[in-house]
Amino acid sequence: MSSLFATEAITWCQQEIPDIILLDFLLPDGDGLELVVGFRHKFSNSQSSIIMLKGEGDEMIAVSAMKSCVQDYLIKGQLTAQILQRGIHQIVERMYLSRQIEQSREQQQIIAAAALRIRQSLQVEEIHSTCNSH
């Protein structure tokens, strides 16, 4: 995908819902942090991961980016295909693990609900057998 203005990017993300967004800090109509905050506010349940690119390192911006749920912060001057590939691979791995954890939670909830029904069923049978024995 080509570069977009911040407003176009939000509209595109509404339609496409990407897995990973590669975002430059400097945008023609705003900065990347504003876009991230707007994106996270508008799509609070989105699973999209964001990698932010910046021309130079800036610790304050890096901290703000991470607090805004940016998964990685890369400096353009140090960027190589290998660094970008590693960053994307790490994000994909985290996304996979998060999905596995969510599936495990769902399975645990199903098992807990089934166990509760079994216990309740056994209690009803115990009460019934106790009443019949008297």
N, C-alpha and C. Protein backbone atom coordinates (compact mmCIF):
# COMPACT_ATOMS: atom_id res chain seq x y z
N MET A 1 0.83 -1.17 0.00
CA MET A 1 0.00 0.00 0.00
C MET A 1 0.88 1.24 0.00
N SER A 2 0.47 2.26 -0.71
CA SER A 2 1.25 3.49 -0.78
C SER A 2 1.01 4.36 0.45
N SER A 3 1.77 5.44 0.54
CA SER A 3 1.61 6.33 1.69
C SER A 3 0.30 7.10 1.57
N LEU A 4 -0.28 7.39 2.72
CA LEU A 4 -1.57 8.08 2.77
C LEU A 4 -1.49 9.23 3.76
N PHE A 5 -2.41 10.15 3.64
CA PHE A 5 -2.61 11.14 4.67
C PHE A 5 -3.28 10.44 5.85
N ALA A 6 -3.19 11.04 7.03
CA ALA A 6 -3.74 10.43 8.24
C ALA A 6 -5.23 10.13 8.08
N THR A 7 -5.98 11.08 7.54
CA THR A 7 -7.42 10.87 7.39
C THR A 7 -7.72 9.74 6.42
N GLU A 8 -6.94 9.65 5.34
CA GLU A 8 -7.13 8.55 4.39
C GLU A 8 -6.78 7.21 5.03
N ALA A 9 -5.74 7.22 5.87
CA ALA A 9 -5.31 5.98 6.52
C ALA A 9 -6.41 5.44 7.44
N ILE A 10 -7.05 6.32 8.20
CA ILE A 10 -8.15 5.90 9.09
C ILE A 10 -9.27 5.29 8.26
N THR A 11 -9.64 5.95 7.16
CA THR A 11 -10.71 5.44 6.30
C THR A 11 -10.32 4.08 5.72
N TRP A 12 -9.08 3.95 5.26
CA TRP A 12 -8.62 2.68 4.69
C TRP A 12 -8.67 1.58 5.74
N CYS A 13 -8.24 1.88 6.96
CA CYS A 13 -8.24 0.87 8.03
C CYS A 13 -9.65 0.43 8.41
N GLN A 14 -10.63 1.31 8.23
CA GLN A 14 -12.02 0.93 8.49
C GLN A 14 -12.47 -0.15 7.51
N GLN A 15 -11.97 -0.09 6.29
CA GLN A 15 -12.40 -1.02 5.25
C GLN A 15 -11.56 -2.29 5.21
N GLU A 16 -10.27 -2.18 5.46
CA GLU A 16 -9.36 -3.30 5.25
C GLU A 16 -8.96 -4.05 6.52
N ILE A 17 -8.86 -3.38 7.66
CA ILE A 17 -8.42 -3.95 8.94
C ILE A 17 -7.12 -4.76 8.76
N PRO A 18 -6.00 -4.06 8.61
CA PRO A 18 -4.72 -4.75 8.40
C PRO A 18 -4.21 -5.44 9.66
N ASP A 19 -3.38 -6.46 9.47
CA ASP A 19 -2.74 -7.11 10.61
C ASP A 19 -1.64 -6.23 11.18
N ILE A 20 -0.84 -5.64 10.29
CA ILE A 20 0.29 -4.81 10.71
C ILE A 20 0.25 -3.50 9.91
N ILE A 21 0.47 -2.40 10.62
CA ILE A 21 0.53 -1.08 10.00
C ILE A 21 1.96 -0.56 10.16
N LEU A 22 2.60 -0.22 9.06
CA LEU A 22 3.93 0.39 9.06
C LEU A 22 3.69 1.89 8.92
N LEU A 23 3.98 2.65 9.96
CA LEU A 23 3.56 4.05 10.04
C LEU A 23 4.75 4.98 10.24
N ASP A 24 4.88 5.96 9.38
CA ASP A 24 5.91 6.99 9.54
C ASP A 24 5.42 7.98 10.59
N PHE A 25 6.33 8.46 11.42
CA PHE A 25 5.95 9.45 12.43
C PHE A 25 5.50 10.74 11.77
N LEU A 26 6.22 11.17 10.73
CA LEU A 26 5.88 12.42 10.05
C LEU A 26 4.92 12.15 8.91
N LEU A 27 3.72 12.68 9.03
CA LEU A 27 2.70 12.55 7.99
C LEU A 27 2.40 13.92 7.41
N PRO A 28 1.95 13.99 6.17
CA PRO A 28 1.67 15.29 5.56
C PRO A 28 0.64 16.12 6.32
N ASP A 29 -0.29 15.47 7.01
CA ASP A 29 -1.35 16.21 7.69
C ASP A 29 -1.40 15.92 9.20
N GLY A 30 -0.29 15.59 9.79
CA GLY A 30 -0.26 15.34 11.23
C GLY A 30 0.94 14.49 11.58
N ASP A 31 1.00 14.10 12.86
CA ASP A 31 2.09 13.19 13.22
C ASP A 31 1.52 11.81 13.49
N GLY A 32 2.41 10.83 13.41
CA GLY A 32 2.00 9.44 13.55
C GLY A 32 1.37 9.12 14.89
N LEU A 33 1.84 9.79 15.96
CA LEU A 33 1.26 9.52 17.28
C LEU A 33 -0.21 9.91 17.34
N GLU A 34 -0.53 11.06 16.73
CA GLU A 34 -1.94 11.47 16.69
C GLU A 34 -2.78 10.43 15.96
N LEU A 35 -2.23 9.92 14.86
CA LEU A 35 -2.95 8.89 14.10
C LEU A 35 -3.13 7.63 14.93
N VAL A 36 -2.09 7.22 15.66
CA VAL A 36 -2.18 6.02 16.50
C VAL A 36 -3.25 6.20 17.56
N VAL A 37 -3.24 7.34 18.24
CA VAL A 37 -4.24 7.59 19.29
C VAL A 37 -5.64 7.59 18.68
N GLY A 38 -5.81 8.25 17.53
CA GLY A 38 -7.11 8.25 16.86
C GLY A 38 -7.52 6.87 16.42
N PHE A 39 -6.57 6.10 15.91
CA PHE A 39 -6.86 4.74 15.47
C PHE A 39 -7.28 3.87 16.65
N ARG A 40 -6.53 3.93 17.74
CA ARG A 40 -6.85 3.11 18.92
C ARG A 40 -8.19 3.52 19.53
N HIS A 41 -8.49 4.82 19.49
CA HIS A 41 -9.77 5.29 20.03
C HIS A 41 -10.93 4.82 19.15
N LYS A 42 -10.76 4.96 17.86
CA LYS A 42 -11.84 4.61 16.92
C LYS A 42 -12.02 3.10 16.79
N PHE A 43 -10.93 2.35 16.87
CA PHE A 43 -10.97 0.90 16.70
C PHE A 43 -10.43 0.23 17.96
N SER A 44 -11.07 0.45 19.08
CA SER A 44 -10.55 -0.04 20.37
C SER A 44 -10.42 -1.55 20.42
N ASN A 45 -11.16 -2.28 19.61
CA ASN A 45 -11.07 -3.74 19.63
C ASN A 45 -10.19 -4.28 18.51
N SER A 46 -9.48 -3.39 17.81
CA SER A 46 -8.67 -3.82 16.68
C SER A 46 -7.45 -4.61 17.13
N GLN A 47 -7.15 -5.63 16.38
CA GLN A 47 -5.96 -6.44 16.64
C GLN A 47 -4.78 -5.98 15.79
N SER A 48 -4.94 -4.89 15.06
CA SER A 48 -3.86 -4.40 14.20
C SER A 48 -2.66 -3.99 15.04
N SER A 49 -1.48 -4.42 14.61
CA SER A 49 -0.24 -4.04 15.27
C SER A 49 0.41 -2.91 14.47
N ILE A 50 1.09 -2.02 15.17
CA ILE A 50 1.67 -0.85 14.52
C ILE A 50 3.18 -0.81 14.75
N ILE A 51 3.92 -0.62 13.66
CA ILE A 51 5.36 -0.36 13.72
C ILE A 51 5.53 1.10 13.29
N MET A 52 6.13 1.91 14.16
CA MET A 52 6.33 3.32 13.83
C MET A 52 7.76 3.54 13.37
N LEU A 53 7.90 4.32 12.29
CA LEU A 53 9.21 4.70 11.76
C LEU A 53 9.47 6.17 12.06
N LYS A 54 10.71 6.47 12.42
CA LYS A 54 11.08 7.86 12.72
C LYS A 54 12.43 8.12 12.08
N GLY A 55 12.63 9.34 11.58
CA GLY A 55 13.89 9.69 10.93
C GLY A 55 15.08 9.58 11.86
N GLU A 56 14.92 10.02 13.10
CA GLU A 56 15.98 9.97 14.09
C GLU A 56 15.40 9.41 15.38
N GLY A 57 16.28 8.89 16.22
CA GLY A 57 15.82 8.38 17.50
C GLY A 57 15.39 9.53 18.41
N ASP A 58 14.31 9.36 19.10
CA ASP A 58 13.82 10.34 20.07
C ASP A 58 13.15 9.56 21.18
N GLU A 59 13.80 9.52 22.34
CA GLU A 59 13.29 8.70 23.44
C GLU A 59 11.89 9.10 23.87
N MET A 60 11.61 10.40 23.91
CA MET A 60 10.28 10.85 24.34
C MET A 60 9.20 10.36 23.37
N ILE A 61 9.48 10.44 22.09
CA ILE A 61 8.51 9.96 21.10
C ILE A 61 8.40 8.45 21.18
N ALA A 62 9.52 7.76 21.36
CA ALA A 62 9.49 6.29 21.48
C ALA A 62 8.64 5.87 22.67
N VAL A 63 8.81 6.53 23.81
CA VAL A 63 8.02 6.20 25.01
C VAL A 63 6.55 6.50 24.75
N SER A 64 6.26 7.66 24.17
CA SER A 64 4.86 8.01 23.86
C SER A 64 4.25 7.00 22.89
N ALA A 65 5.04 6.57 21.92
CA ALA A 65 4.55 5.59 20.95
C ALA A 65 4.20 4.27 21.64
N MET A 66 5.08 3.81 22.51
CA MET A 66 4.83 2.54 23.20
C MET A 66 3.63 2.66 24.14
N LYS A 67 3.48 3.81 24.79
CA LYS A 67 2.31 4.02 25.66
C LYS A 67 1.02 4.07 24.84
N SER A 68 1.14 4.42 23.56
CA SER A 68 -0.02 4.47 22.67
C SER A 68 -0.25 3.13 21.97
N CYS A 69 0.38 2.09 22.47
CA CYS A 69 0.20 0.72 21.96
C CYS A 69 0.85 0.49 20.60
N VAL A 70 1.94 1.19 20.32
CA VAL A 70 2.75 0.88 19.14
C VAL A 70 3.61 -0.32 19.53
N GLN A 71 3.65 -1.34 18.69
CA GLN A 71 4.38 -2.56 19.04
C GLN A 71 5.88 -2.46 18.81
N ASP A 72 6.30 -1.61 17.87
CA ASP A 72 7.73 -1.46 17.62
C ASP A 72 8.00 -0.06 17.11
N TYR A 73 9.20 0.42 17.37
CA TYR A 73 9.63 1.76 17.00
C TYR A 73 10.99 1.61 16.33
N LEU A 74 11.07 1.94 15.05
CA LEU A 74 12.30 1.75 14.30
C LEU A 74 12.80 3.09 13.75
N ILE A 75 14.12 3.24 13.73
CA ILE A 75 14.75 4.46 13.23
C ILE A 75 15.13 4.24 11.77
N LYS A 76 14.65 5.13 10.90
CA LYS A 76 14.85 4.96 9.46
C LYS A 76 16.32 4.83 9.08
N GLY A 77 17.19 5.62 9.70
CA GLY A 77 18.61 5.59 9.37
C GLY A 77 19.28 4.27 9.70
N GLN A 78 18.68 3.51 10.60
CA GLN A 78 19.24 2.21 11.00
C GLN A 78 18.45 1.05 10.42
N LEU A 79 17.45 1.37 9.63
CA LEU A 79 16.53 0.34 9.13
C LEU A 79 17.15 -0.45 7.98
N THR A 80 17.11 -1.75 8.12
CA THR A 80 17.52 -2.66 7.04
C THR A 80 16.37 -3.64 6.83
N ALA A 81 16.44 -4.35 5.74
CA ALA A 81 15.41 -5.36 5.48
C ALA A 81 15.38 -6.39 6.60
N GLN A 82 16.55 -6.75 7.11
CA GLN A 82 16.63 -7.75 8.18
C GLN A 82 15.99 -7.23 9.47
N ILE A 83 16.23 -5.98 9.82
CA ILE A 83 15.63 -5.41 11.04
C ILE A 83 14.12 -5.35 10.90
N LEU A 84 13.64 -4.89 9.74
CA LEU A 84 12.19 -4.83 9.52
C LEU A 84 11.58 -6.22 9.54
N GLN A 85 12.24 -7.17 8.90
CA GLN A 85 11.73 -8.54 8.88
C GLN A 85 11.67 -9.11 10.30
N ARG A 86 12.70 -8.86 11.10
CA ARG A 86 12.71 -9.35 12.48
C ARG A 86 11.58 -8.71 13.29
N GLY A 87 11.38 -7.39 13.10
CA GLY A 87 10.30 -6.71 13.81
C GLY A 87 8.93 -7.27 13.44
N ILE A 88 8.71 -7.48 12.16
CA ILE A 88 7.43 -8.05 11.70
C ILE A 88 7.27 -9.47 12.23
N HIS A 89 8.34 -10.25 12.18
CA HIS A 89 8.28 -11.63 12.68
C HIS A 89 7.92 -11.66 14.17
N GLN A 90 8.51 -10.78 14.96
CA GLN A 90 8.21 -10.73 16.39
C GLN A 90 6.75 -10.36 16.63
N ILE A 91 6.25 -9.42 15.86
CA ILE A 91 4.84 -9.02 16.01
C ILE A 91 3.91 -10.16 15.62
N VAL A 92 4.21 -10.82 14.52
CA VAL A 92 3.38 -11.95 14.08
C VAL A 92 3.40 -13.05 15.15
N GLU A 93 4.55 -13.30 15.73
CA GLU A 93 4.67 -14.31 16.79
C GLU A 93 3.83 -13.92 18.01
N ARG A 94 3.90 -12.64 18.41
CA ARG A 94 3.08 -12.17 19.55
C ARG A 94 1.60 -12.29 19.24
N MET A 95 1.21 -11.96 18.00
CA MET A 95 -0.20 -12.06 17.62
C MET A 95 -0.65 -13.52 17.69
N TYR A 96 0.19 -14.43 17.21
CA TYR A 96 -0.13 -15.86 17.25
C TYR A 96 -0.28 -16.32 18.70
N LEU A 97 0.66 -15.94 19.56
CA LEU A 97 0.59 -16.35 20.96
C LEU A 97 -0.63 -15.75 21.66
N SER A 98 -0.96 -14.50 21.34
CA SER A 98 -2.16 -13.88 21.93
C SER A 98 -3.42 -14.63 21.52
N ARG A 99 -3.48 -15.03 20.26
CA ARG A 99 -4.64 -15.79 19.80
C ARG A 99 -4.70 -17.16 20.47
N GLN A 100 -3.55 -17.79 20.68
CA GLN A 100 -3.51 -19.08 21.37
C GLN A 100 -3.99 -18.93 22.81
N ILE A 101 -3.55 -17.87 23.47
CA ILE A 101 -3.98 -17.62 24.85
C ILE A 101 -5.49 -17.40 24.89
N GLU A 102 -6.01 -16.63 23.96
CA GLU A 102 -7.46 -16.38 23.91
C GLU A 102 -8.23 -17.67 23.67
N GLN A 103 -7.74 -18.52 22.78
CA GLN A 103 -8.40 -19.80 22.54
C GLN A 103 -8.36 -20.68 23.79
N SER A 104 -7.25 -20.66 24.50
CA SER A 104 -7.14 -21.44 25.75
C SER A 104 -8.13 -20.93 26.78
N ARG A 105 -8.27 -19.61 26.89
CA ARG A 105 -9.24 -19.04 27.83
C ARG A 105 -10.66 -19.48 27.48
N GLU A 106 -10.98 -19.42 26.19
CA GLU A 106 -12.32 -19.84 25.76
C GLU A 106 -12.56 -21.31 26.08
N GLN A 107 -11.55 -22.16 25.85
CA GLN A 107 -11.68 -23.58 26.16
C GLN A 107 -11.85 -23.79 27.66
N GLN A 108 -11.11 -23.04 28.47
CA GLN A 108 -11.24 -23.15 29.92
C GLN A 108 -12.64 -22.75 30.38
N GLN A 109 -13.19 -21.71 29.77
CA GLN A 109 -14.55 -21.28 30.13
C GLN A 109 -15.57 -22.35 29.77
N ILE A 110 -15.40 -22.98 28.62
CA ILE A 110 -16.32 -24.06 28.21
C ILE A 110 -16.21 -25.23 29.17
N ILE A 111 -14.99 -25.61 29.53
CA ILE A 111 -14.78 -26.73 30.46
C ILE A 111 -15.35 -26.39 31.83
N ALA A 112 -15.14 -25.16 32.30
CA ALA A 112 -15.67 -24.76 33.60
C ALA A 112 -17.20 -24.79 33.60
N ALA A 113 -17.81 -24.33 32.52
CA ALA A 113 -19.27 -24.35 32.43
C ALA A 113 -19.79 -25.79 32.41
N ALA A 114 -19.10 -26.66 31.68
CA ALA A 114 -19.51 -28.07 31.63
C ALA A 114 -19.35 -28.72 33.00
N ALA A 115 -18.25 -28.43 33.69
CA ALA A 115 -18.03 -28.99 35.02
C ALA A 115 -19.09 -28.52 36.00
N LEU A 116 -19.48 -27.26 35.90
CA LEU A 116 -20.53 -26.73 36.77
C LEU A 116 -21.85 -27.45 36.51
N ARG A 117 -22.19 -27.65 35.25
CA ARG A 117 -23.44 -28.36 34.93
C ARG A 117 -23.41 -29.79 35.46
N ILE A 118 -22.26 -30.44 35.35
CA ILE A 118 -22.14 -31.82 35.85
C ILE A 118 -22.32 -31.83 37.36
N ARG A 119 -21.67 -30.89 38.07
CA ARG A 119 -21.82 -30.82 39.53
C ARG A 119 -23.27 -30.56 39.92
N GLN A 120 -23.90 -29.63 39.23
CA GLN A 120 -25.30 -29.33 39.53
C GLN A 120 -26.17 -30.55 39.28
N SER A 121 -25.90 -31.27 38.21
CA SER A 121 -26.66 -32.48 37.89
C SER A 121 -26.46 -33.53 38.97
N LEU A 122 -25.24 -33.70 39.43
CA LEU A 122 -24.96 -34.67 40.49
C LEU A 122 -25.64 -34.29 41.79
N GLN A 123 -25.67 -33.01 42.10
CA GLN A 123 -26.33 -32.56 43.32
C GLN A 123 -27.83 -32.83 43.25
N VAL A 124 -28.43 -32.61 42.10
CA VAL A 124 -29.86 -32.88 41.94
C VAL A 124 -30.12 -34.37 42.12
N GLU A 125 -29.26 -35.21 41.54
CA GLU A 125 -29.44 -36.65 41.69
C GLU A 125 -29.26 -37.08 43.14
N GLU A 126 -28.30 -36.48 43.87
CA GLU A 126 -28.10 -36.81 45.27
C GLU A 126 -29.32 -36.42 46.10
N ILE A 127 -29.85 -35.24 45.82
CA ILE A 127 -31.05 -34.80 46.55
C ILE A 127 -32.21 -35.73 46.25
N HIS A 128 -32.36 -36.08 44.99
CA HIS A 128 -33.45 -36.95 44.58
C HIS A 128 -33.32 -38.33 45.25
N SER A 129 -32.10 -38.88 45.25
CA SER A 129 -31.92 -40.20 45.86
C SER A 129 -32.09 -40.14 47.37
N THR A 130 -31.70 -39.03 48.00
CA THR A 130 -31.88 -38.87 49.45
C THR A 130 -33.37 -38.79 49.78
N CYS A 131 -34.12 -38.08 48.97
CA CYS A 131 -35.57 -37.96 49.20
C CYS A 131 -36.26 -39.30 49.01
N ASN A 132 -35.83 -40.09 48.06
CA ASN A 132 -36.45 -41.39 47.78
C ASN A 132 -36.10 -42.43 48.83
N SER A 133 -34.96 -42.27 49.51
CA SER A 133 -34.57 -43.27 50.50
C SER A 133 -35.27 -43.05 51.83
N HIS A 134 -35.90 -41.95 52.03
CA HIS A 134 -36.60 -41.68 53.30
C HIS A 134 -38.01 -42.05 53.21
